[in-house]
Amino acid sequence: MPSRPLSPRLASPRSLRRHIALALVALTLAGGLGSLTSAAQADDTDGISGAPADSSGADDRSRFSYQVLPGQHLDDFYIVRNTGTTTQTMKVFATDAYNTDDGSYGLLDTDATPLDSGAWVSFDGGATQLSIPLGPGESRVVPFALDVPAEASPGDHAAGIVTSVTAPSGEILVDRRIATRLYVRVPGDIQAALTISSLTASYISQANPFGGATTLSYTVTNKGNVALAANVVVGVRTYFGIAAVPIVRTELTEMLPGGSRVVTTSVPGVAQLGYLDPYVSIAPTVDAGALDPGPLRVVDRDTVILAPPWWLIALLVAGGAAWLVIRVRRTRNDRDAAAWIAYTEAEALRKASEHASVGVSVWAGVGAPAGAHLGDHDLEAEK
């Protein structure tokens, strides 16, 4: 039997729907895989970390703190780690520290040349910096040396060991840095001295006479040669040293030698008491892990401001005005009463005088004969 050519068959609606569904699933899976790939690429990070270490790895120190004689040499270790997901080349170096305007611990720019303890640090071969490529998760212990000059001055010299990575971000290069603090104390004439200057205070009144605020502004300067922090107490006294309001406690972060900081503190809930004595008390402290600088002296400063009790003044003025009005009215009433009494007395006397005159005339007319004339002698006799 001769074969017949196969004619094309149209897919049934059910079969067509199944093929379309399979195609959509395939597209969805393809899109999902693309999204996962993009997400993995987007999750790439450039994390870095660094910490004090010994020859085997990180130790429990949070900073480098040394007490070193002038001319002395010592060795230590720093560990740097790539905590990101891409290979990075890390630059490791030391530089000088300073306090920023807000009191933070700042370090010189990467390209700046250190002139103090940051210049005393060197790496293998006397290098001032290292470039270390590290893959994701890799770390390296970096040995370094500290050589204190023979002419180094007594006190604290602050620096930091920095790990820096420069990476493109769009069309710019971003320098990301992390650092570990490094303090070198040179023995000698150690002076721990915080001072307070330029203390000013102002009173801000409110509608509520007991709800005002006193704002204090002052400058704290580290005139010593060691790094110091401080616990600060701010308060307001009034007559006889009585506290006008509960004290306000704050903390002053570490200040390096020669550093200065302007501090502003507001004390709420101060009543309008007239005489106010705002004050500041600073008790120096040292950060955890810092070397002991010896005895620390508390510093106090105060000033005087006036907070006129306007509510009391207004009350006194109103009371005085009311008393004056009452006094004037009473004086006027007393004057009018005196005048009335004088008038009534005068009127009574006048009427009595007129009555007496009329009575004499009537008696004379009734008791004497017609045409008779009473002389003075007769009147005397009648009396």
Protein backbone atom coordinates (compact mmCIF):
# COMPACT_ATOMS: atom_id res chain seq x y z
CA MET A 1 0.00 0.00 0.00
CA PRO A 2 1.51 3.25 -1.11
CA SER A 3 2.39 5.57 1.64
CA ARG A 4 0.69 8.86 1.95
CA PRO A 5 2.55 12.04 2.64
CA LEU A 6 2.04 13.36 6.12
CA SER A 7 0.13 16.59 6.18
CA PRO A 8 0.92 19.19 8.84
CA ARG A 9 -1.31 19.09 11.89
CA LEU A 10 -2.47 22.14 13.77
CA ALA A 11 -1.77 22.03 17.49
CA SER A 12 -4.80 21.80 19.67
CA PRO A 13 -5.67 24.79 21.89
CA ARG A 14 -4.71 22.76 24.98
CA SER A 15 -1.31 21.84 23.51
CA LEU A 16 -0.74 25.44 22.46
CA ARG A 17 -1.43 26.69 25.99
CA ARG A 18 1.04 24.14 27.39
CA HIS A 19 3.82 25.26 25.04
CA ILE A 20 3.23 28.91 25.84
CA ALA A 21 3.35 28.16 29.60
CA LEU A 22 6.64 26.24 29.20
CA ALA A 23 8.12 29.15 27.27
CA LEU A 24 7.09 31.61 29.97
CA VAL A 25 8.61 29.39 32.68
CA ALA A 26 11.87 29.20 30.71
CA LEU A 27 11.96 33.00 30.35
CA THR A 28 11.24 33.44 34.04
CA LEU A 29 14.04 31.07 35.03
CA ALA A 30 16.42 32.80 32.65
CA GLY A 31 15.48 36.18 34.13
CA GLY A 32 15.89 34.81 37.66
CA LEU A 33 19.36 33.47 36.92
CA GLY A 34 20.28 36.82 35.43
CA SER A 35 19.01 38.56 38.56
CA LEU A 36 20.97 36.22 40.82
CA THR A 37 24.13 36.89 38.84
CA SER A 38 23.59 40.66 39.08
CA ALA A 39 22.88 40.39 42.80
CA ALA A 40 26.10 38.47 43.37
CA GLN A 41 27.99 41.12 41.48
CA ALA A 42 26.23 43.92 43.38
CA ASP A 43 27.08 42.28 46.72
CA ASP A 44 30.83 42.63 46.10
CA THR A 45 32.34 44.62 48.96
CA ASP A 46 35.70 46.22 49.69
CA GLY A 47 35.85 45.79 53.47
CA ILE A 48 39.11 46.21 55.37
CA SER A 49 40.18 45.93 59.01
CA GLY A 50 43.30 46.40 61.10
CA ALA A 51 44.26 45.86 64.75
CA PRO A 52 47.19 45.45 67.14
CA ALA A 53 48.73 42.00 66.99
CA ASP A 54 51.57 39.76 68.01
CA SER A 55 53.60 37.63 65.66
CA SER A 56 50.81 35.03 65.41
CA GLY A 57 47.76 37.25 64.93
CA ALA A 58 45.44 39.77 66.57
CA ASP A 59 45.67 40.28 70.32
CA ASP A 60 43.32 41.89 72.84
CA ARG A 61 44.64 45.46 72.61
CA SER A 62 42.44 48.25 71.27
CA ARG A 63 45.32 50.72 70.77
CA PHE A 64 49.08 50.94 70.81
CA SER A 65 50.29 52.59 74.04
CA TYR A 66 53.98 52.83 74.82
CA GLN A 67 56.16 54.49 77.42
CA VAL A 68 59.52 54.89 75.70
CA LEU A 69 62.68 56.73 76.64
CA PRO A 70 64.21 59.20 74.20
CA GLY A 71 66.46 57.30 71.79
CA GLN A 72 64.80 53.95 72.55
CA HIS A 73 63.78 51.37 69.89
CA LEU A 74 60.97 48.82 70.09
CA ASP A 75 59.21 46.37 67.76
CA ASP A 76 55.54 45.47 67.49
CA PHE A 77 52.98 43.99 65.07
CA TYR A 78 49.87 45.10 63.21
CA ILE A 79 47.43 42.81 61.43
CA VAL A 80 45.54 43.86 58.30
CA ARG A 81 42.66 41.86 56.85
CA ASN A 82 40.59 41.95 53.67
CA THR A 83 37.01 41.51 54.87
CA GLY A 84 35.55 42.18 51.42
CA THR A 85 34.74 39.92 48.50
CA THR A 86 37.27 41.27 46.00
CA THR A 87 41.04 41.33 45.89
CA GLN A 88 42.40 44.61 47.22
CA THR A 89 45.77 46.28 47.46
CA MET A 90 46.10 47.87 50.86
CA LYS A 91 48.45 50.69 51.75
CA VAL A 92 49.73 50.54 55.33
CA PHE A 93 51.48 53.54 56.91
CA ALA A 94 51.69 55.66 60.07
CA THR A 95 50.84 59.33 60.43
CA ASP A 96 50.30 62.02 63.07
CA ALA A 97 47.04 62.53 64.96
CA TYR A 98 45.10 65.64 65.95
CA ASN A 99 41.71 66.59 67.35
CA THR A 100 39.09 67.65 64.82
CA ASP A 101 36.75 70.59 65.47
CA ASP A 102 34.11 68.27 66.93
CA GLY A 103 36.64 66.57 69.21
CA SER A 104 37.15 63.41 67.19
CA TYR A 105 40.52 61.71 66.82
CA GLY A 106 41.74 62.77 63.38
CA LEU A 107 44.71 61.71 61.27
CA LEU A 108 46.60 63.58 58.58
CA ASP A 109 45.67 63.00 54.95
CA THR A 110 47.21 60.00 53.22
CA ASP A 111 49.61 62.17 51.22
CA ALA A 112 50.58 64.45 54.15
CA THR A 113 54.04 64.09 55.72
CA PRO A 114 54.03 63.35 59.48
CA LEU A 115 56.34 65.41 61.67
CA ASP A 116 55.84 63.86 65.12
CA SER A 117 55.34 60.27 66.32
CA GLY A 118 53.88 59.21 62.98
CA ALA A 119 57.37 59.74 61.55
CA TRP A 120 58.91 57.50 64.22
CA VAL A 121 57.26 54.34 62.75
CA SER A 122 58.89 52.30 60.03
CA PHE A 123 58.30 48.94 58.35
CA ASP A 124 60.53 46.28 56.81
CA GLY A 125 63.68 47.77 55.38
CA GLY A 126 62.96 51.15 56.93
CA ALA A 127 60.02 51.78 54.58
CA THR A 128 57.48 54.39 55.65
CA GLN A 129 54.60 52.55 53.96
CA LEU A 130 53.73 49.17 52.47
CA SER A 131 51.46 48.02 49.62
CA ILE A 132 49.92 44.65 50.41
CA PRO A 133 47.61 42.80 47.96
CA LEU A 134 45.14 40.55 49.75
CA GLY A 135 42.44 38.28 48.41
CA PRO A 136 38.99 38.02 50.01
CA GLY A 137 39.29 36.85 53.61
CA GLU A 138 43.09 36.98 53.62
CA SER A 139 45.13 38.70 56.34
CA ARG A 140 48.75 39.50 57.06
CA VAL A 141 50.70 40.32 60.19
CA VAL A 142 52.87 43.37 59.54
CA PRO A 143 55.93 43.95 61.77
CA PHE A 144 56.90 47.55 62.43
CA ALA A 145 59.48 49.44 64.47
CA LEU A 146 59.24 52.53 66.65
CA ASP A 147 62.35 54.68 67.09
CA VAL A 148 61.99 57.62 69.47
CA PRO A 149 64.35 60.52 68.76
CA ALA A 150 66.83 61.44 71.45
CA GLU A 151 65.41 64.97 71.56
CA ALA A 152 61.76 63.88 71.96
CA SER A 153 59.89 66.09 74.44
CA PRO A 154 58.18 64.64 77.54
CA GLY A 155 54.50 63.78 77.35
CA ASP A 156 52.11 62.05 74.95
CA HIS A 157 52.76 61.93 71.20
CA ALA A 158 49.71 60.71 69.28
CA ALA A 159 49.62 58.98 65.91
CA GLY A 160 47.86 56.16 64.12
CA ILE A 161 48.68 53.18 61.93
CA VAL A 162 46.46 53.41 58.87
CA THR A 163 45.20 50.91 56.32
CA SER A 164 44.05 52.64 53.16
CA VAL A 165 42.38 51.34 50.00
CA THR A 166 41.73 53.52 46.99
CA ALA A 167 38.92 52.31 44.73
CA PRO A 168 36.91 53.92 41.92
CA SER A 169 33.38 55.04 42.65
CA GLY A 170 31.80 56.26 39.44
CA GLU A 171 34.16 58.81 37.98
CA ILE A 172 36.07 59.53 41.20
CA LEU A 173 38.57 57.67 43.36
CA VAL A 174 37.53 57.09 46.97
CA ASP A 175 40.20 56.69 49.66
CA ARG A 176 38.73 54.47 52.40
CA ARG A 177 40.78 54.29 55.59
CA ILE A 178 40.70 52.56 58.93
CA ALA A 179 43.22 53.23 61.68
CA THR A 180 44.41 52.12 65.09
CA ARG A 181 45.47 54.78 67.59
CA LEU A 182 49.10 54.89 68.65
CA TYR A 183 50.32 56.79 71.72
CA VAL A 184 53.95 57.25 72.70
CA ARG A 185 54.61 58.68 76.16
CA VAL A 186 58.08 60.04 76.74
CA PRO A 187 58.92 60.19 80.48
CA GLY A 188 59.95 63.45 82.08
CA ASP A 189 58.04 66.47 83.35
CA ILE A 190 54.50 65.10 82.90
CA GLN A 191 51.78 67.74 83.24
CA ALA A 192 48.07 66.90 83.24
CA ALA A 193 46.19 70.18 82.97
CA LEU A 194 42.82 71.08 81.52
CA THR A 195 41.73 74.72 81.74
CA ILE A 196 38.42 76.57 81.29
CA SER A 197 38.31 80.01 79.69
CA SER A 198 35.88 82.40 77.99
CA LEU A 199 32.92 81.29 80.11
CA THR A 200 29.73 83.11 79.16
CA ALA A 201 26.14 82.46 80.14
CA SER A 202 22.73 83.70 79.04
CA TYR A 203 19.20 83.22 80.28
CA ILE A 204 16.33 82.36 77.94
CA SER A 205 12.98 83.16 79.53
CA GLN A 206 9.71 81.41 78.82
CA ALA A 207 6.04 82.21 79.44
CA ASN A 208 6.31 79.83 82.38
CA PRO A 209 8.41 81.74 84.95
CA PHE A 210 9.86 78.44 86.16
CA GLY A 211 10.60 77.01 82.72
CA GLY A 212 13.50 79.11 81.48
CA ALA A 213 16.92 77.84 80.42
CA THR A 214 20.49 78.90 81.05
CA THR A 215 22.99 78.36 78.23
CA LEU A 216 26.69 78.20 79.06
CA SER A 217 29.49 78.46 76.51
CA TYR A 218 33.13 77.93 77.43
CA THR A 219 36.48 76.87 75.99
CA VAL A 220 38.37 73.85 77.31
CA THR A 221 42.09 73.70 76.53
CA ASN A 222 44.57 70.93 77.22
CA LYS A 223 47.54 72.97 78.39
CA GLY A 224 49.38 69.92 79.66
CA ASN A 225 51.41 67.36 77.71
CA VAL A 226 49.23 64.24 78.14
CA ALA A 227 45.97 63.24 76.49
CA LEU A 228 42.96 63.75 78.78
CA ALA A 229 39.20 63.27 78.69
CA ALA A 230 36.86 64.71 81.33
CA ASN A 231 33.61 64.33 83.21
CA VAL A 232 31.76 67.65 83.15
CA VAL A 233 29.19 68.97 85.63
CA VAL A 234 27.17 72.05 84.69
CA GLY A 235 24.75 73.69 87.09
CA VAL A 236 23.13 76.93 88.26
CA ARG A 237 23.15 78.28 91.81
CA THR A 238 21.21 81.20 93.26
CA TYR A 239 21.11 83.08 96.59
CA PHE A 240 23.35 81.66 99.35
CA GLY A 241 24.71 79.00 96.97
CA ILE A 242 21.40 77.14 96.77
CA ALA A 243 21.00 74.97 93.67
CA ALA A 244 18.44 76.51 91.34
CA VAL A 245 18.06 73.38 89.23
CA PRO A 246 19.42 69.79 89.08
CA ILE A 247 22.92 69.55 87.60
CA VAL A 248 23.62 68.43 84.03
CA ARG A 249 26.36 65.82 83.52
CA THR A 250 28.22 65.42 80.23
CA GLU A 251 31.45 63.84 79.03
CA LEU A 252 34.30 65.47 77.16
CA THR A 253 36.03 63.12 74.75
CA GLU A 254 39.79 62.80 74.77
CA MET A 255 41.77 65.93 74.03
CA LEU A 256 45.36 65.73 72.82
CA PRO A 257 48.03 68.05 74.25
CA GLY A 258 47.56 71.59 72.96
CA GLY A 259 44.01 70.89 71.81
CA SER A 260 41.17 73.33 72.43
CA ARG A 261 37.43 72.92 72.19
CA VAL A 262 34.42 75.23 72.51
CA VAL A 263 31.60 73.58 74.47
CA THR A 264 27.99 74.75 74.77
CA THR A 265 25.62 73.29 77.36
CA SER A 266 22.00 74.19 78.10
CA VAL A 267 20.50 73.78 81.57
CA PRO A 268 16.67 73.61 81.44
CA GLY A 269 14.05 74.40 84.05
CA VAL A 270 15.67 77.48 85.56
CA ALA A 271 13.25 79.84 87.28
CA GLN A 272 13.35 83.65 87.02
CA LEU A 273 15.01 84.18 90.37
CA GLY A 274 16.85 87.40 89.61
CA TYR A 275 20.37 86.41 90.70
CA LEU A 276 21.86 83.31 89.03
CA ASP A 277 25.34 81.80 89.35
CA PRO A 278 25.99 79.36 86.45
CA TYR A 279 29.10 77.19 86.88
CA VAL A 280 31.16 74.48 85.17
CA SER A 281 33.23 71.79 86.90
CA ILE A 282 35.61 69.56 84.92
CA ALA A 283 37.17 66.40 86.38
CA PRO A 284 39.93 65.10 84.03
CA THR A 285 40.05 61.38 83.24
CA VAL A 286 42.03 59.07 80.96
CA ASP A 287 40.63 56.64 78.41
CA ALA A 288 40.70 52.90 79.01
CA GLY A 289 44.05 51.50 77.95
CA ALA A 290 45.85 54.83 78.41
CA LEU A 291 48.87 55.25 80.66
CA ASP A 292 48.33 56.76 84.12
CA PRO A 293 49.42 60.44 84.14
CA GLY A 294 49.33 60.78 87.94
CA PRO A 295 47.12 63.09 90.06
CA LEU A 296 44.40 64.95 88.16
CA ARG A 297 43.04 68.30 89.35
CA VAL A 298 39.38 69.32 89.10
CA VAL A 299 38.82 72.71 87.47
CA ASP A 300 35.85 75.01 88.29
CA ARG A 301 34.63 78.27 86.80
CA ASP A 302 31.47 80.32 87.34
CA THR A 303 29.87 83.59 86.31
CA VAL A 304 26.90 85.75 87.30
CA ILE A 305 23.84 86.65 85.25
CA LEU A 306 20.49 88.27 86.03
CA ALA A 307 17.15 86.67 85.30
CA PRO A 308 14.64 89.36 86.32
CA PRO A 309 11.45 87.83 87.76
CA TRP A 310 9.15 89.76 85.46
CA TRP A 311 6.09 87.97 86.82
CA LEU A 312 6.93 89.17 90.34
CA ILE A 313 7.76 92.66 89.10
CA ALA A 314 4.44 92.81 87.23
CA LEU A 315 2.65 91.56 90.33
CA LEU A 316 4.33 94.20 92.49
CA VAL A 317 3.56 96.95 89.99
CA ALA A 318 -0.06 95.87 89.78
CA GLY A 319 -0.28 95.68 93.59
CA GLY A 320 1.37 99.09 93.96
CA ALA A 321 -0.98 100.62 91.42
CA ALA A 322 -4.00 99.15 93.22
CA TRP A 323 -2.73 100.44 96.59
CA LEU A 324 -2.15 103.89 95.10
CA VAL A 325 -5.66 104.03 93.66
CA ILE A 326 -7.14 102.94 96.99
CA ARG A 327 -4.97 105.44 98.86
CA VAL A 328 -5.99 108.32 96.61
CA ARG A 329 -9.64 107.42 96.91
CA ARG A 330 -9.38 107.09 100.69
CA THR A 331 -7.61 110.44 100.99
CA ARG A 332 -10.25 112.08 98.84
CA ASN A 333 -13.03 110.48 100.86
CA ASP A 334 -11.39 111.58 104.12
CA ARG A 335 -11.10 115.14 102.79
CA ASP A 336 -14.69 115.16 101.63
CA ALA A 337 -15.84 113.77 104.99
CA ALA A 338 -13.89 116.44 106.90
CA ALA A 339 -15.33 119.14 104.71
CA TRP A 340 -18.84 117.77 105.23
CA ILE A 341 -18.38 117.60 109.01
CA ALA A 342 -17.07 121.18 109.06
CA TYR A 343 -19.99 122.26 106.94
CA THR A 344 -22.57 120.55 109.11
CA GLU A 345 -21.02 121.94 112.29
CA ALA A 346 -20.97 125.45 110.86
CA GLU A 347 -24.54 125.08 109.68
CA ALA A 348 -25.62 123.84 113.06
CA LEU A 349 -23.96 126.77 114.78
CA ARG A 350 -25.56 129.18 112.35
CA LYS A 351 -28.99 127.72 112.86
CA ALA A 352 -28.53 127.71 116.64
CA SER A 353 -27.47 131.35 116.57
CA GLU A 354 -30.49 132.33 114.46
CA HIS A 355 -32.81 130.39 116.77
CA ALA A 356 -31.40 132.13 119.86
CA SER A 357 -31.87 135.58 118.31
CA VAL A 358 -35.46 134.86 117.32
CA GLY A 359 -36.26 133.54 120.82
CA VAL A 360 -35.03 136.70 122.58
CA SER A 361 -37.00 138.92 120.27
CA VAL A 362 -40.23 136.95 120.84
CA TRP A 363 -39.83 136.96 124.63
CA ALA A 364 -39.19 140.67 124.71
CA GLY A 365 -42.35 141.36 122.74
CA VAL A 366 -44.64 139.18 124.91
CA GLY A 367 -43.45 139.97 128.46
CA ALA A 368 -43.29 143.85 128.37
CA PRO A 369 -46.26 146.25 128.47
CA ALA A 370 -47.05 148.18 125.40
CA GLY A 371 -44.82 151.15 125.07
CA ALA A 372 -42.66 149.99 127.98
CA HIS A 373 -38.95 150.06 127.53
CA LEU A 374 -36.69 147.64 129.29
CA GLY A 375 -33.35 149.07 130.03
CA ASP A 376 -30.19 147.27 130.74
CA HIS A 377 -30.93 147.30 134.47
CA ASP A 378 -34.30 145.69 133.99
CA LEU A 379 -32.83 143.01 131.79
CA GLU A 380 -30.29 142.26 134.45
CA ALA A 381 -33.05 142.01 137.00
CA GLU A 382 -35.00 139.64 134.82
CA LYS A 383 -32.04 137.44 134.40
